[in-house]
């Protein structure tokens, strides 16, 4: 069986660097992020981005500010500029250390909005 060639993306290069600095081996990477090993493997080898439900555990495992994760994922662009003041407040609240269910739900909604805006921006560009 041939080994799949790794797809390098800004996100997985950033993630690898962050995890190496924290002394995390592949098993610890998954355990620390609270996700299964195949998920982390897809981030590294296939260039996939984390799903919404994996972002908060990843932020906590790496001890990074959410803005840094969003930047690495390519979500800190003009789509963020189009957020409403309330949605920008949610992104700001992500720096808090204590979370409740309402905050997590608001975060998930904000991330879905950003991802939708990115998809729309991408389809608008392809229509040009």
C-alpha atoms as a PDB file:
ATOM      1  CA  UNK A   1       0.000   0.000   0.000  1.00  0.00           C
ATOM      2  CA  UNK A   2       1.402   3.382  -0.988  1.00  0.00           C
ATOM      3  CA  UNK A   3       1.502   6.210   1.459  1.00  0.00           C
ATOM      4  CA  UNK A   4      -0.676   9.185   0.535  1.00  0.00           C
ATOM      5  CA  UNK A   5       1.209  12.349  -0.235  1.00  0.00           C
ATOM      6  CA  UNK A   6       0.640  15.020   2.370  1.00  0.00           C
ATOM      7  CA  UNK A   7      -1.296  18.082   1.290  1.00  0.00           C
ATOM      8  CA  UNK A   8       0.353  21.104   2.890  1.00  0.00           C
ATOM      9  CA  UNK A   9      -1.876  24.013   3.776  1.00  0.00           C
ATOM     10  CA  UNK A  10      -1.272  27.103   5.875  1.00  0.00           C
ATOM     11  CA  UNK A  11      -3.515  25.552   8.528  1.00  0.00           C
ATOM     12  CA  UNK A  12      -1.789  22.194   8.888  1.00  0.00           C
ATOM     13  CA  UNK A  13       1.660  23.812   8.816  1.00  0.00           C
ATOM     14  CA  UNK A  14       0.549  26.191  11.592  1.00  0.00           C
ATOM     15  CA  UNK A  15      -1.014  23.328  13.557  1.00  0.00           C
ATOM     16  CA  UNK A  16       2.073  21.153  13.269  1.00  0.00           C
ATOM     17  CA  UNK A  17       4.298  23.996  14.484  1.00  0.00           C
ATOM     18  CA  UNK A  18       2.013  24.752  17.448  1.00  0.00           C
ATOM     19  CA  UNK A  19       1.789  21.104  18.477  1.00  0.00           C
ATOM     20  CA  UNK A  20       5.526  20.534  18.138  1.00  0.00           C
ATOM     21  CA  UNK A  21       6.205  23.528  20.376  1.00  0.00           C
ATOM     22  CA  UNK A  22       3.923  21.975  22.990  1.00  0.00           C
ATOM     23  CA  UNK A  23       5.740  18.628  22.687  1.00  0.00           C
ATOM     24  CA  UNK A  24       2.704  16.786  21.369  1.00  0.00           C
ATOM     25  CA  UNK A  25       3.229  13.554  19.467  1.00  0.00           C
ATOM     26  CA  UNK A  26       0.483  12.353  17.065  1.00  0.00           C
ATOM     27  CA  UNK A  27      -1.398  10.472  19.799  1.00  0.00           C
ATOM     28  CA  UNK A  28      -1.215  13.424  22.194  1.00  0.00           C
ATOM     29  CA  UNK A  29      -2.366  15.727  19.406  1.00  0.00           C
ATOM     30  CA  UNK A  30      -5.666  13.916  19.141  1.00  0.00           C
ATOM     31  CA  UNK A  31      -6.075  13.325  22.876  1.00  0.00           C
ATOM     32  CA  UNK A  32      -5.287  16.926  23.783  1.00  0.00           C
ATOM     33  CA  UNK A  33      -7.688  18.277  21.193  1.00  0.00           C
ATOM     34  CA  UNK A  34     -10.410  15.878  22.329  1.00  0.00           C
ATOM     35  CA  UNK A  35     -10.856  14.362  18.880  1.00  0.00           C
ATOM     36  CA  UNK A  36     -10.086  10.965  17.413  1.00  0.00           C
ATOM     37  CA  UNK A  37      -6.762  10.264  15.752  1.00  0.00           C
ATOM     38  CA  UNK A  38      -8.205   9.884  12.263  1.00  0.00           C
ATOM     39  CA  UNK A  39      -9.600  13.427  12.471  1.00  0.00           C
ATOM     40  CA  UNK A  40      -6.194  14.865  13.363  1.00  0.00           C
ATOM     41  CA  UNK A  41      -4.652  12.740  10.615  1.00  0.00           C
ATOM     42  CA  UNK A  42      -7.021  14.287   8.046  1.00  0.00           C
ATOM     43  CA  UNK A  43      -5.999  17.770   9.210  1.00  0.00           C
ATOM     44  CA  UNK A  44      -2.362  16.897   8.627  1.00  0.00           C
ATOM     45  CA  UNK A  45      -2.395  14.678   5.551  1.00  0.00           C
ATOM     46  CA  UNK A  46      -5.442  15.806   3.600  1.00  0.00           C
ATOM     47  CA  UNK A  47      -5.355  19.495   4.441  1.00  0.00           C
ATOM     48  CA  UNK A  48      -8.829  19.493   5.939  1.00  0.00           C
ATOM     49  CA  UNK A  49     -10.018  22.162   8.337  1.00  0.00           C
ATOM     50  CA  UNK A  50     -11.560  21.374  11.718  1.00  0.00           C
ATOM     51  CA  UNK A  51     -15.306  21.095  11.955  1.00  0.00           C
ATOM     52  CA  UNK A  52     -17.097  23.660  14.116  1.00  0.00           C
ATOM     53  CA  UNK A  53     -17.432  21.242  17.041  1.00  0.00           C
ATOM     54  CA  UNK A  54     -13.662  20.635  17.084  1.00  0.00           C
ATOM     55  CA  UNK A  55     -12.586  24.289  17.117  1.00  0.00           C
ATOM     56  CA  UNK A  56     -13.098  25.022  20.793  1.00  0.00           C
ATOM     57  CA  UNK A  57     -11.300  21.860  21.988  1.00  0.00           C
ATOM     58  CA  UNK A  58      -8.451  22.686  19.607  1.00  0.00           C
ATOM     59  CA  UNK A  59      -8.242  26.266  20.922  1.00  0.00           C
ATOM     60  CA  UNK A  60      -8.089  24.927  24.481  1.00  0.00           C
ATOM     61  CA  UNK A  61      -5.568  22.174  23.698  1.00  0.00           C
ATOM     62  CA  UNK A  62      -3.186  24.593  22.002  1.00  0.00           C
ATOM     63  CA  UNK A  63      -3.867  27.434  24.430  1.00  0.00           C
ATOM     64  CA  UNK A  64      -4.247  29.919  21.579  1.00  0.00           C
ATOM     65  CA  UNK A  65      -6.583  32.851  21.073  1.00  0.00           C
ATOM     66  CA  UNK A  66      -9.471  32.033  18.717  1.00  0.00           C
ATOM     67  CA  UNK A  67      -8.339  34.796  16.356  1.00  0.00           C
ATOM     68  CA  UNK A  68      -5.085  32.905  15.843  1.00  0.00           C
ATOM     69  CA  UNK A  69      -6.946  29.718  14.934  1.00  0.00           C
ATOM     70  CA  UNK A  70      -9.271  31.609  12.591  1.00  0.00           C
ATOM     71  CA  UNK A  71      -6.294  33.274  10.944  1.00  0.00           C
ATOM     72  CA  UNK A  72      -4.603  29.892  10.404  1.00  0.00           C
ATOM     73  CA  UNK A  73      -7.831  28.517   8.928  1.00  0.00           C
ATOM     74  CA  UNK A  74      -8.161  31.457   6.559  1.00  0.00           C
ATOM     75  CA  UNK A  75     -11.286  32.771   8.280  1.00  0.00           C
ATOM     76  CA  UNK A  76      -9.885  36.184   9.234  1.00  0.00           C
ATOM     77  CA  UNK A  77     -10.488  37.957   5.968  1.00  0.00           C
ATOM     78  CA  UNK A  78     -13.167  40.126   4.421  1.00  0.00           C
ATOM     79  CA  UNK A  79     -15.826  37.657   5.619  1.00  0.00           C
ATOM     80  CA  UNK A  80     -15.042  38.680   9.193  1.00  0.00           C
ATOM     81  CA  UNK A  81     -15.331  42.334   8.192  1.00  0.00           C
ATOM     82  CA  UNK A  82     -18.926  41.634   7.157  1.00  0.00           C
ATOM     83  CA  UNK A  83     -19.909  40.360  10.590  1.00  0.00           C
ATOM     84  CA  UNK A  84     -22.584  42.274  12.415  1.00  0.00           C
ATOM     85  CA  UNK A  85     -21.582  44.025  15.653  1.00  0.00           C
ATOM     86  CA  UNK A  86     -23.242  41.196  17.611  1.00  0.00           C
ATOM     87  CA  UNK A  87     -21.306  38.548  15.699  1.00  0.00           C
ATOM     88  CA  UNK A  88     -18.056  40.466  16.211  1.00  0.00           C
ATOM     89  CA  UNK A  89     -18.850  40.494  19.930  1.00  0.00           C
ATOM     90  CA  UNK A  90     -19.180  36.708  19.833  1.00  0.00           C
ATOM     91  CA  UNK A  91     -15.753  36.414  18.226  1.00  0.00           C
ATOM     92  CA  UNK A  92     -14.401  38.728  20.949  1.00  0.00           C
ATOM     93  CA  UNK A  93     -16.022  36.595  23.672  1.00  0.00           C
ATOM     94  CA  UNK A  94     -14.136  33.582  22.403  1.00  0.00           C
ATOM     95  CA  UNK A  95     -11.159  34.819  24.386  1.00  0.00           C
ATOM     96  CA  UNK A  96     -13.012  34.050  27.618  1.00  0.00           C
ATOM     97  CA  UNK A  97     -11.858  31.075  29.659  1.00  0.00           C
ATOM     98  CA  UNK A  98     -15.264  29.994  30.964  1.00  0.00           C
ATOM     99  CA  UNK A  99     -17.901  28.913  28.485  1.00  0.00           C
ATOM    100  CA  UNK A 100     -21.573  28.160  28.875  1.00  0.00           C
ATOM    101  CA  UNK A 101     -23.913  26.463  26.400  1.00  0.00           C
ATOM    102  CA  UNK A 102     -25.278  29.762  25.050  1.00  0.00           C
ATOM    103  CA  UNK A 103     -21.783  31.005  24.263  1.00  0.00           C
ATOM    104  CA  UNK A 104     -20.868  27.770  22.485  1.00  0.00           C
ATOM    105  CA  UNK A 105     -24.080  27.910  20.444  1.00  0.00           C
ATOM    106  CA  UNK A 106     -23.433  31.557  19.533  1.00  0.00           C
ATOM    107  CA  UNK A 107     -19.868  30.669  18.526  1.00  0.00           C
ATOM    108  CA  UNK A 108     -21.055  27.812  16.327  1.00  0.00           C
ATOM    109  CA  UNK A 109     -23.581  30.120  14.632  1.00  0.00           C
ATOM    110  CA  UNK A 110     -20.909  32.766  14.050  1.00  0.00           C
ATOM    111  CA  UNK A 111     -18.530  30.210  12.540  1.00  0.00           C
ATOM    112  CA  UNK A 112     -21.257  28.866  10.246  1.00  0.00           C
ATOM    113  CA  UNK A 113     -21.960  32.442   9.152  1.00  0.00           C
ATOM    114  CA  UNK A 114     -18.277  33.044   8.389  1.00  0.00           C
ATOM    115  CA  UNK A 115     -17.989  29.766   6.491  1.00  0.00           C
ATOM    116  CA  UNK A 116     -21.133  30.595   4.500  1.00  0.00           C
ATOM    117  CA  UNK A 117     -19.771  34.043   3.672  1.00  0.00           C
ATOM    118  CA  UNK A 118     -16.516  32.472   2.484  1.00  0.00           C
ATOM    119  CA  UNK A 119     -18.379  30.019   0.252  1.00  0.00           C
ATOM    120  CA  UNK A 120     -20.496  32.847  -1.149  1.00  0.00           C
ATOM    121  CA  UNK A 121     -17.406  34.999  -1.763  1.00  0.00           C
ATOM    122  CA  UNK A 122     -15.772  32.061  -3.552  1.00  0.00           C
ATOM    123  CA  UNK A 123     -18.811  31.472  -5.779  1.00  0.00           C
ATOM    124  CA  UNK A 124     -19.095  35.193  -6.496  1.00  0.00           C
ATOM    125  CA  UNK A 125     -15.475  35.210  -7.682  1.00  0.00           C
ATOM    126  CA  UNK A 126     -16.029  32.196  -9.932  1.00  0.00           C
ATOM    127  CA  UNK A 127     -19.015  33.997 -11.545  1.00  0.00           C
ATOM    128  CA  UNK A 128     -16.730  36.855 -12.678  1.00  0.00           C
END
